[in-house]
Protein backbone atom coordinates (compact mmCIF):
# COMPACT_ATOMS: atom_id res chain seq x y z
CA UNK A 1 -12.02 8.96 10.68
CA UNK A 2 -10.77 9.56 7.15
CA UNK A 3 -8.50 7.08 5.42
CA UNK A 4 -5.31 9.09 5.81
CA UNK A 5 -5.35 9.17 9.63
CA UNK A 6 -3.03 6.86 11.56
CA UNK A 7 -4.08 6.53 15.21
CA UNK A 8 -1.50 6.27 17.99
CA UNK A 9 -1.88 5.34 21.62
CA UNK A 10 -3.24 8.19 23.68
CA UNK A 11 -0.20 8.32 25.92
CA UNK A 12 1.87 9.68 23.04
CA UNK A 13 0.03 12.94 23.57
CA UNK A 14 2.71 13.40 26.23
CA UNK A 15 5.48 13.22 23.66
CA UNK A 16 6.99 16.45 24.86
CA UNK A 17 7.14 15.49 28.53
CA UNK A 18 10.68 14.90 29.72
CA UNK A 19 9.62 12.27 32.24
CA UNK A 20 8.23 10.05 29.50
CA UNK A 21 10.89 10.88 26.94
CA UNK A 22 13.58 9.73 29.33
CA UNK A 23 12.04 6.25 29.26
CA UNK A 24 12.01 5.87 25.49
CA UNK A 25 15.43 5.93 23.84
CA UNK A 26 16.93 4.24 20.83
CA UNK A 27 17.54 1.18 22.95
CA UNK A 28 13.75 0.75 23.23
CA UNK A 29 13.47 0.11 19.49
CA UNK A 30 13.30 -3.64 18.89
CA UNK A 31 16.36 -5.28 17.44
CA UNK A 32 15.04 -8.36 15.69
CA UNK A 33 17.06 -11.41 14.85
CA UNK A 34 16.98 -12.25 11.16
CA UNK A 35 14.29 -14.95 10.70
CA UNK A 36 15.14 -18.10 8.87
CA UNK A 37 13.44 -17.80 5.50
CA UNK A 38 14.14 -20.47 2.93
CA UNK A 39 14.18 -19.63 -0.77
CA UNK A 40 13.67 -22.05 -3.65
CA UNK A 41 12.90 -21.69 -7.34
CA UNK A 42 10.51 -24.15 -8.96
CA UNK A 43 11.42 -25.57 -12.40
CA UNK A 44 8.90 -23.25 -14.08
CA UNK A 45 10.35 -20.15 -12.41
CA UNK A 46 8.07 -19.49 -9.42
CA UNK A 47 10.09 -18.29 -6.42
CA UNK A 48 9.09 -19.96 -3.13
CA UNK A 49 9.87 -18.30 0.20
CA UNK A 50 8.97 -20.06 3.44
CA UNK A 51 9.17 -18.86 7.03
CA UNK A 52 8.39 -21.64 9.48
CA UNK A 53 6.71 -20.71 12.74
CA UNK A 54 6.69 -24.07 14.55
CA UNK A 55 4.17 -23.07 17.23
CA UNK A 56 1.60 -21.70 14.78
CA UNK A 57 -1.47 -23.80 14.05
CA UNK A 58 -2.30 -21.91 10.87
CA UNK A 59 -0.57 -21.30 7.55
CA UNK A 60 -0.78 -18.27 5.28
CA UNK A 61 -0.09 -18.97 1.62
CA UNK A 62 0.17 -15.96 -0.67
CA UNK A 63 0.89 -15.76 -4.39
CA UNK A 64 2.19 -12.38 -5.53
CA UNK A 65 2.72 -11.06 -9.04
CA UNK A 66 4.69 -8.01 -10.13
CA UNK A 67 1.46 -6.69 -11.59
CA UNK A 68 0.10 -3.35 -10.46
CA UNK A 69 -1.83 -0.46 -11.91
CA UNK A 70 1.47 1.01 -13.14
CA UNK A 71 1.54 -1.90 -15.62
CA UNK A 72 -1.73 -0.94 -17.33
CA UNK A 73 0.06 0.69 -20.29
CA UNK A 74 -2.60 1.97 -22.73
CA UNK A 75 -5.51 0.28 -20.91
CA UNK A 76 -6.10 1.97 -17.52
CA UNK A 77 -7.62 -0.45 -15.02
CA UNK A 78 -6.84 -3.66 -16.92
CA UNK A 79 -4.43 -5.06 -14.32
CA UNK A 80 -6.86 -4.88 -11.41
CA UNK A 81 -9.66 -5.93 -13.73
CA UNK A 82 -7.82 -9.08 -14.72
CA UNK A 83 -7.03 -10.09 -11.14
CA UNK A 84 -10.62 -9.43 -10.03
CA UNK A 85 -11.96 -11.51 -12.89
CA UNK A 86 -9.57 -14.34 -12.03
CA UNK A 87 -11.21 -14.36 -8.59
CA UNK A 88 -14.65 -14.90 -10.16
CA UNK A 89 -14.23 -18.59 -10.86
CA UNK A 90 -12.35 -21.47 -12.48
CA UNK A 91 -13.37 -24.57 -14.42
CA UNK A 92 -13.51 -26.59 -11.19
CA UNK A 93 -14.99 -23.83 -9.05
CA UNK A 94 -17.07 -21.70 -11.45
CA UNK A 95 -17.81 -18.71 -9.17
CA UNK A 96 -16.34 -16.67 -6.35
CA UNK A 97 -19.02 -18.17 -4.10
CA UNK A 98 -17.74 -21.66 -4.91
CA UNK A 99 -14.19 -20.61 -4.04
CA UNK A 100 -15.23 -18.96 -0.79
CA UNK A 101 -17.57 -21.77 0.23
CA UNK A 102 -14.78 -24.32 0.00
CA UNK A 103 -12.30 -22.37 2.10
CA UNK A 104 -15.01 -21.27 4.52
CA UNK A 105 -15.90 -24.90 5.20
CA UNK A 106 -12.55 -25.36 6.96
CA UNK A 107 -12.61 -22.01 8.76
CA UNK A 108 -10.15 -20.36 6.40
CA UNK A 109 -10.09 -17.13 4.41
CA UNK A 110 -9.42 -16.32 0.76
CA UNK A 111 -8.64 -12.78 -0.40
CA UNK A 112 -7.13 -10.84 -3.26
CA UNK A 113 -5.71 -7.38 -3.79
CA UNK A 114 -4.08 -5.09 -6.34
CA UNK A 115 -2.00 -2.02 -5.60
CA UNK A 116 0.07 0.33 -7.71
CA UNK A 117 2.99 -2.12 -7.62
CA UNK A 118 1.67 -5.69 -7.29
CA UNK A 119 -1.28 -8.09 -7.12
CA UNK A 120 -1.81 -11.02 -4.79
CA UNK A 121 -4.10 -13.89 -3.85
CA UNK A 122 -3.95 -14.97 -0.22
CA UNK A 123 -5.31 -18.01 1.62
CA UNK A 124 -5.11 -18.67 5.37
CA UNK A 125 -6.08 -22.11 6.68
CA UNK A 126 -5.51 -24.41 9.65
CA UNK A 127 -2.29 -26.37 9.27
CA UNK A 128 -4.22 -29.61 8.62
CA UNK A 129 -5.85 -28.01 5.56
CA UNK A 130 -2.73 -26.54 3.98
CA UNK A 131 -3.18 -28.66 0.85
CA UNK A 132 -6.43 -26.81 0.17
CA UNK A 133 -4.66 -23.43 0.20
CA UNK A 134 -2.17 -24.55 -2.45
CA UNK A 135 -4.98 -26.12 -4.47
CA UNK A 136 -7.16 -22.99 -4.43
CA UNK A 137 -4.39 -20.56 -5.35
CA UNK A 138 -3.04 -22.76 -8.13
CA UNK A 139 -6.58 -23.15 -9.49
CA UNK A 140 -7.27 -19.39 -9.45
CA UNK A 141 -3.99 -18.44 -11.10
CA UNK A 142 -3.67 -21.44 -13.39
CA UNK A 143 -7.18 -21.99 -14.72
CA UNK A 144 -9.39 -18.88 -14.44
CA UNK A 145 -12.53 -18.70 -16.57
CA UNK A 146 -12.16 -15.09 -17.80
CA UNK A 147 -15.25 -15.46 -19.97
CA UNK A 148 -17.65 -12.93 -21.47
CA UNK A 149 -20.24 -13.21 -18.69
CA UNK A 150 -17.62 -12.49 -16.03
CA UNK A 151 -16.32 -9.52 -18.01
CA UNK A 152 -19.78 -7.97 -18.40
CA UNK A 153 -20.50 -8.44 -14.71
CA UNK A 154 -17.18 -6.88 -13.80
CA UNK A 155 -17.79 -3.88 -16.06
CA UNK A 156 -21.21 -3.25 -14.51
CA UNK A 157 -19.90 -3.34 -10.94
CA UNK A 158 -16.76 -1.33 -11.64
CA UNK A 159 -18.66 1.37 -13.53
CA UNK A 160 -20.52 2.05 -10.28
CA UNK A 161 -17.24 2.08 -8.36
CA UNK A 162 -15.80 4.69 -10.71
CA UNK A 163 -18.90 6.87 -10.34
CA UNK A 164 -18.57 6.58 -6.56
CA UNK A 165 -14.94 7.70 -6.72
CA UNK A 166 -15.95 10.74 -8.75
CA UNK A 167 -18.74 11.76 -6.35
CA UNK A 168 -17.02 11.08 -3.02
CA UNK A 169 -14.70 13.93 -1.89
CA UNK A 170 -12.37 11.59 0.03
CA UNK A 171 -11.90 9.38 -3.02
CA UNK A 172 -11.79 12.11 -5.65
CA UNK A 173 -9.12 14.05 -3.77
CA UNK A 174 -6.99 10.89 -3.78
CA UNK A 175 -7.33 10.46 -7.53
CA UNK A 176 -6.72 14.13 -8.38
CA UNK A 177 -3.76 14.39 -6.04
CA UNK A 178 -2.02 11.25 -7.30
CA UNK A 179 -2.58 12.25 -10.93
CA UNK A 180 -1.13 15.70 -10.25
CA UNK A 181 1.85 14.88 -8.06
CA UNK A 182 2.95 11.90 -10.21
CA UNK A 183 2.00 13.44 -13.55
CA UNK A 184 3.56 11.49 -16.41
CA UNK A 185 4.57 8.55 -14.21
CA UNK A 186 3.02 5.07 -14.75
CA UNK A 187 1.73 5.17 -11.15
CA UNK A 188 -0.32 8.34 -11.67
CA UNK A 189 -3.51 6.69 -12.88
CA UNK A 190 -6.57 5.52 -10.98
CA UNK A 191 -6.24 1.80 -10.18
CA UNK A 192 -9.69 0.91 -11.56
CA UNK A 193 -9.27 3.03 -14.68
CA UNK A 194 -11.90 5.26 -16.27
CA UNK A 195 -15.38 4.66 -17.65
CA UNK A 196 -13.94 4.99 -21.16
CA UNK A 197 -11.12 2.50 -20.62
CA UNK A 198 -13.45 0.08 -18.83
CA UNK A 199 -15.91 0.07 -21.73
CA UNK A 200 -13.10 -0.90 -24.12
CA UNK A 201 -12.13 -4.08 -22.24
CA UNK A 202 -12.55 -7.34 -24.16
CA UNK A 203 -11.98 -10.94 -23.18
CA UNK A 204 -9.03 -11.03 -25.59
CA UNK A 205 -7.44 -8.06 -23.78
CA UNK A 206 -8.04 -9.66 -20.38
CA UNK A 207 -6.56 -12.96 -21.58
CA UNK A 208 -3.51 -11.20 -22.98
CA UNK A 209 -3.01 -9.33 -19.71
CA UNK A 210 -3.33 -12.57 -17.76
CA UNK A 211 -0.71 -14.25 -19.94
CA UNK A 212 1.59 -11.22 -19.68
CA UNK A 213 1.49 -10.82 -15.90
CA UNK A 214 0.58 -14.18 -14.36
CA UNK A 215 3.22 -16.47 -15.83
CA UNK A 216 5.41 -18.42 -13.40
CA UNK A 217 8.49 -16.27 -13.98
CA UNK A 218 6.58 -13.27 -12.61
CA UNK A 219 5.29 -14.97 -9.45
CA UNK A 220 6.43 -15.33 -5.84
CA UNK A 221 4.83 -17.89 -3.53
CA UNK A 222 5.15 -16.83 0.10
CA UNK A 223 4.33 -19.28 2.92
CA UNK A 224 4.35 -18.48 6.64
CA UNK A 225 3.18 -20.65 9.53
CA UNK A 226 3.50 -24.06 11.11
CA UNK A 227 4.79 -25.83 8.02
CA UNK A 228 8.17 -27.34 7.29
CA UNK A 229 9.94 -25.72 4.30
CA UNK A 230 10.46 -29.12 2.67
CA UNK A 231 6.74 -29.85 2.89
CA UNK A 232 5.93 -26.43 1.43
CA UNK A 233 8.31 -27.09 -1.47
CA UNK A 234 6.69 -30.48 -2.05
CA UNK A 235 3.20 -28.93 -2.19
CA UNK A 236 4.31 -26.03 -4.39
CA UNK A 237 5.95 -28.42 -6.84
CA UNK A 238 2.82 -30.56 -6.94
CA UNK A 239 0.17 -27.88 -7.32
CA UNK A 240 1.97 -25.29 -9.46
CA UNK A 241 3.70 -27.66 -11.86
CA UNK A 242 1.36 -26.69 -14.71
CA UNK A 243 1.61 -22.90 -14.29
CA UNK A 244 2.84 -21.55 -17.66
CA UNK A 245 6.39 -20.20 -17.63
CA UNK A 246 5.57 -16.73 -18.92
CA UNK A 247 8.08 -13.91 -18.46
CA UNK A 248 9.19 -11.66 -15.66
CA UNK A 249 7.56 -8.23 -15.82
CA UNK A 250 10.46 -5.97 -16.71
CA UNK A 251 9.41 -2.41 -16.00
CA UNK A 252 12.63 -1.09 -17.42
CA UNK A 253 14.70 1.61 -15.87
CA UNK A 254 13.24 3.34 -12.82
CA UNK A 255 11.71 6.71 -13.59
CA UNK A 256 11.63 8.92 -10.49
CA UNK A 257 9.39 11.95 -10.72
CA UNK A 258 11.15 15.29 -10.72
CA UNK A 259 8.31 17.80 -10.49
CA UNK A 260 9.52 21.40 -10.15
CA UNK A 261 6.38 23.48 -10.66
CA UNK A 262 3.65 23.97 -8.03
CA UNK A 263 0.02 23.33 -8.90
CA UNK A 264 -3.40 24.11 -7.44
CA UNK A 265 -6.21 21.70 -8.41
CA UNK A 266 -9.91 21.97 -7.61
CA UNK A 267 -12.55 19.26 -7.84
CA UNK A 268 -16.31 19.16 -7.24
CA UNK A 269 -17.89 16.43 -5.12
CA UNK A 270 -20.04 15.99 -2.04
CA UNK A 271 -22.56 18.16 -0.24
CA UNK A 272 -20.81 19.64 2.79
CA UNK A 273 -17.24 18.74 3.69
CA UNK A 274 -14.18 19.86 1.74
CA UNK A 275 -11.09 17.62 1.51
CA UNK A 276 -7.75 19.38 1.13
CA UNK A 277 -4.23 18.08 0.50
CA UNK A 278 -0.81 19.63 0.18
CA UNK A 279 1.81 17.21 -1.09
CA UNK A 280 5.17 16.65 -2.69
CA UNK A 281 7.25 14.15 -4.64
CA UNK A 282 9.63 12.32 -2.28
CA UNK A 283 12.22 9.53 -2.33
CA UNK A 284 10.85 6.01 -2.76
CA UNK A 285 11.43 2.63 -1.17
CA UNK A 286 14.97 1.37 -0.82
CA UNK A 287 16.51 4.84 -0.60
CA UNK A 288 18.27 6.03 2.56
CA UNK A 289 15.84 8.95 2.88
CA UNK A 290 12.87 6.57 3.10
CA UNK A 291 13.53 6.07 6.80
CA UNK A 292 13.73 9.80 7.51
CA UNK A 293 10.36 10.23 5.81
CA UNK A 294 8.88 7.41 7.88
CA UNK A 295 9.86 9.35 10.99
CA UNK A 296 8.84 12.76 9.60
CA UNK A 297 5.41 11.42 8.73
CA UNK A 298 4.95 9.90 12.19
CA UNK A 299 5.70 13.30 13.73
CA UNK A 300 2.95 14.90 11.64
CA UNK A 301 0.26 12.19 11.49
CA UNK A 302 -2.31 10.72 13.84
CA UNK A 303 -4.31 12.15 16.72
CA UNK A 304 -1.17 13.19 18.58
CA UNK A 305 0.66 14.45 15.49
CA UNK A 306 1.43 18.08 14.85
CA UNK A 307 -1.20 18.56 12.16
CA UNK A 308 -4.09 17.18 14.20
CA UNK A 309 -3.02 19.03 17.34
CA UNK A 310 -2.69 22.37 15.60
CA UNK A 311 -5.49 22.26 13.01
CA UNK A 312 -8.14 20.64 15.16
CA UNK A 313 -6.97 20.60 18.76
CA UNK A 314 -5.64 24.16 19.01
CA UNK A 315 -7.65 26.05 16.38
CA UNK A 316 -10.74 23.88 15.83
CA UNK A 317 -10.63 24.40 12.07
CA UNK A 318 -11.12 20.84 10.80
CA UNK A 319 -12.94 17.59 11.42
CA UNK A 320 -9.79 15.62 10.75
CA UNK A 321 -6.16 16.23 9.91
CA UNK A 322 -3.12 14.07 9.29
CA UNK A 323 -0.53 13.01 6.77
CA UNK A 324 0.71 9.99 4.82
CA UNK A 325 3.91 8.82 3.17
CA UNK A 326 3.86 6.36 0.28
CA UNK A 327 7.07 4.85 -0.99
CA UNK A 328 6.98 3.22 -4.43
CA UNK A 329 9.90 1.37 -5.98
CA UNK A 330 11.14 4.34 -7.99
CA UNK A 331 9.47 7.37 -6.42
CA UNK A 332 7.33 8.40 -3.50
CA UNK A 333 4.95 11.04 -2.22
CA UNK A 334 4.08 12.69 1.06
CA UNK A 335 1.04 14.81 1.85
CA UNK A 336 -0.73 16.67 4.62
CA UNK A 337 -4.51 16.44 4.55
CA UNK A 338 -7.63 17.67 6.31
CA UNK A 339 -11.42 17.55 6.12
CA UNK A 340 -12.96 21.00 6.71
CA UNK A 341 -16.03 23.18 6.35
CA UNK A 342 -15.96 25.27 3.16
CA UNK A 343 -15.42 28.52 5.03
CA UNK A 344 -12.31 27.13 6.74
CA UNK A 345 -10.41 26.03 3.64
CA UNK A 346 -8.08 29.01 3.42
CA UNK A 347 -7.26 29.17 7.16
CA UNK A 348 -6.54 25.43 7.21
CA UNK A 349 -4.28 25.62 4.18
CA UNK A 350 -2.38 28.44 5.87
CA UNK A 351 -1.86 26.42 9.06
CA UNK A 352 -0.84 23.32 7.11
CA UNK A 353 1.74 25.29 5.13
CA UNK A 354 3.10 26.77 8.35
CA UNK A 355 3.48 23.33 9.94
CA UNK A 356 5.22 21.99 6.84
CA UNK A 357 7.59 24.95 6.79
CA UNK A 358 8.25 24.45 10.50
CA UNK A 359 9.75 21.04 9.70
CA UNK A 360 12.41 22.77 7.64
CA UNK A 361 12.95 25.70 9.97
CA UNK A 362 13.14 23.93 13.34
CA UNK A 363 14.85 20.68 14.22
CA UNK A 364 12.52 18.31 16.04
CA UNK A 365 13.69 17.70 19.63
CA UNK A 366 15.67 14.49 20.08
CA UNK A 367 13.25 13.16 22.72
CA UNK A 368 10.31 13.55 20.32
CA UNK A 369 12.23 11.73 17.61
CA UNK A 370 12.98 8.83 19.95
CA UNK A 371 9.34 8.53 20.98
CA UNK A 372 8.21 8.43 17.37
CA UNK A 373 10.87 5.91 16.37
CA UNK A 374 9.81 3.63 19.21
CA UNK A 375 6.17 3.88 18.21
CA UNK A 376 6.91 3.15 14.55
CA UNK A 377 9.02 0.13 15.40
CA UNK A 378 6.50 -1.28 17.85
CA UNK A 379 3.70 -0.89 15.35
CA UNK A 380 5.67 -2.72 12.67
CA UNK A 381 6.55 -5.61 15.00
CA UNK A 382 2.89 -6.00 16.01
CA UNK A 383 1.77 -5.84 12.38
CA UNK A 384 4.11 -8.66 11.43
CA UNK A 385 2.73 -10.90 14.16
CA UNK A 386 0.05 -12.27 11.82
CA UNK A 387 1.15 -14.94 9.37
CA UNK A 388 -0.69 -13.24 6.51
CA UNK A 389 1.00 -9.89 7.07
CA UNK A 390 4.36 -11.61 7.33
CA UNK A 391 3.73 -13.54 4.11
CA UNK A 392 2.92 -10.29 2.34
CA UNK A 393 6.06 -8.65 3.72
CA UNK A 394 8.48 -11.35 2.58
CA UNK A 395 6.63 -11.78 -0.70
CA UNK A 396 6.81 -8.04 -1.41
CA UNK A 397 10.47 -8.05 -0.50
CA UNK A 398 11.14 -10.67 -3.16
CA UNK A 399 8.76 -9.17 -5.73
CA UNK A 400 9.69 -5.50 -5.41
CA UNK A 401 12.95 -5.41 -3.47
CA UNK A 402 11.34 -3.49 -0.59
CA UNK A 403 13.11 -3.53 2.80
CA UNK A 404 12.53 -6.44 5.15
CA UNK A 405 11.09 -5.75 8.58
CA UNK A 406 14.56 -6.06 10.05
CA UNK A 407 16.01 -3.59 7.51
CA UNK A 408 13.15 -1.18 8.11
CA UNK A 409 13.68 -1.20 11.88
CA UNK A 410 17.43 -0.80 11.47
CA UNK A 411 16.92 2.15 9.13
CA UNK A 412 14.47 3.87 11.47
CA UNK A 413 16.91 3.39 14.33
CA UNK A 414 19.53 5.53 12.56
CA UNK A 415 17.31 8.57 11.89
CA UNK A 416 18.33 11.81 13.63
CA UNK A 417 16.62 15.21 13.98
CA UNK A 418 19.08 16.53 11.39
CA UNK A 419 17.97 13.85 8.91
CA UNK A 420 14.32 14.83 9.26
CA UNK A 421 15.08 18.53 8.89
CA UNK A 422 17.31 17.86 5.88
CA UNK A 423 14.66 15.92 3.91
CA UNK A 424 12.04 18.51 4.81
CA UNK A 425 14.23 21.28 3.41
CA UNK A 426 15.13 19.29 0.32
CA UNK A 427 11.75 17.85 -0.67
CA UNK A 428 8.96 19.80 1.06
CA UNK A 429 9.57 23.14 -0.60
CA UNK A 430 6.60 25.47 -1.12
CA UNK A 431 7.75 26.04 -4.71
CA UNK A 432 7.05 22.35 -5.45
CA UNK A 433 3.78 21.89 -3.55
CA UNK A 434 0.72 20.30 -5.13
CA UNK A 435 -2.46 21.57 -3.49
CA UNK A 436 -5.78 19.84 -4.14
CA UNK A 437 -9.15 21.04 -2.84
CA UNK A 438 -12.30 18.97 -3.41
CA UNK A 439 -15.76 19.93 -2.18
CA UNK A 440 -19.21 21.12 -3.21
CA UNK A 441 -20.01 23.94 -5.56
CA UNK A 442 -16.77 24.52 -7.43
CA UNK A 443 -15.71 23.37 -10.88
CA UNK A 444 -12.54 21.33 -11.40
C-alpha cells in the first residue's frame, strides 16, 4: 500500500446499494457533546489545556510549538533539524537513549514530530508516573544540549534521508508535487531541507532557531487522561517555570495560493514503478469548503473509492490508486494519485482526469454522500479514542486554530451533494491542474 491510500471497511464496497444506504443517514453521524477542556495560561505564557478522562489509567502529555517547516525562512530544514536535535539529549539525560530508557522503565512512550505547521514532543505514561512526563518534556524543551557533536551526527543521518527521498519514487513525487502546487508559499519546501541547506547548518543557527520557536509564548501544553486539571496545572507550573518567555511565532497575514496556470513535472527515480499525481490548490482549514473537500476526498479515496475501483478494479491499470486532501491554515491541496507500470502512465492519467471531471459534471447520489459522511465521522471518533490523539487534537486547535472534533463532525454533517459538486467545479479545473510523473528513465 502506498502512503496516500486510506483503507475503508470492505462493506462500503456496497455504497451504491439502496438496502444499505437506507440504514445510513445523517442521523447516523455521531453528535458529540462538547468535552470539558480547561484552559490556563502559565505566568511565562505557556497555554495549558486539560481534558480529564476519569476512567483512564494513563495520561498523555504533549508540548506543541507553532514551529513547522513553513517557518524555515532562508534555511530549509532548520525547524525539523532543531526539534530532532533537541530530542538527542539534555544536560541531565545526555542522549536519546537516556531519555527513552527512563520512560521505557515505567512502560511509557516518548515521541516527537514536525509537520509543515507545528512541532511537538509527546509522552504517554501510567497515571502514577505523570510527574515523569512533565519532567521529561520540560527537560527536552528547556535544556537541550544542541552541541557540535549532535549537529554533525544529525547532518550525517539526514543527508542519507535526503538522498533516499530523491531516489524513491513515492517520496520524490511528494516533494515535486508540493513544490509545484504551492510554488512561492512557505509550505512548498521539503521538511528536511536540501543537501546544500543542511551543510550550512551551524550550532549558532540551531540555537537561534531554538530561541525563536521554543519560547514559552509559542508553546501549548496539552494533557489528556486520568488527571485532575488542578493537578495538571500544579505540575505544569512546577516543571515549566524556567522555560524562557520568548515570543509567539507571528507568521503574519495568511497567504493563500492562487495558482492559475497548469504544469506538468517529470522526475527520475526508481527501477520499475511510476508514481503519478494530478492535484490542485484548495481551501484550507477553518474555511466552510474544508468540510466539502473532506467528503469529496472520501468519495474518491481508499479501496472502495472511485479512483481505486475504476483505475485498478475495472481497468487493471495500476497497482494502487487513491487521493488525499491536506488542509493547512491558509491554503490546502487535493490530489489523485496512482502507482503504475511505465506503459500505463498515459491511460491512467486519462482515467484519473475523467474521474475528476465527473465530480464536476455529475452530482454524487445523496445515499453515497450519507455513507461517506458516516464513515468519516466514525473514523474520527475512533481516532480520538486514544489520549495521545486527543491531546494532539486539542493542542493543534489551540496552536493553529484548526477545528475541534466536534466542529469537524458538525461541518461534515452539513455537506450536501451540491456542495461537493460546487467545490469540484470551482477548484478542480483542468486548466489549473498540476501533474507530476516520477519513474525510471526520464529526466526531470
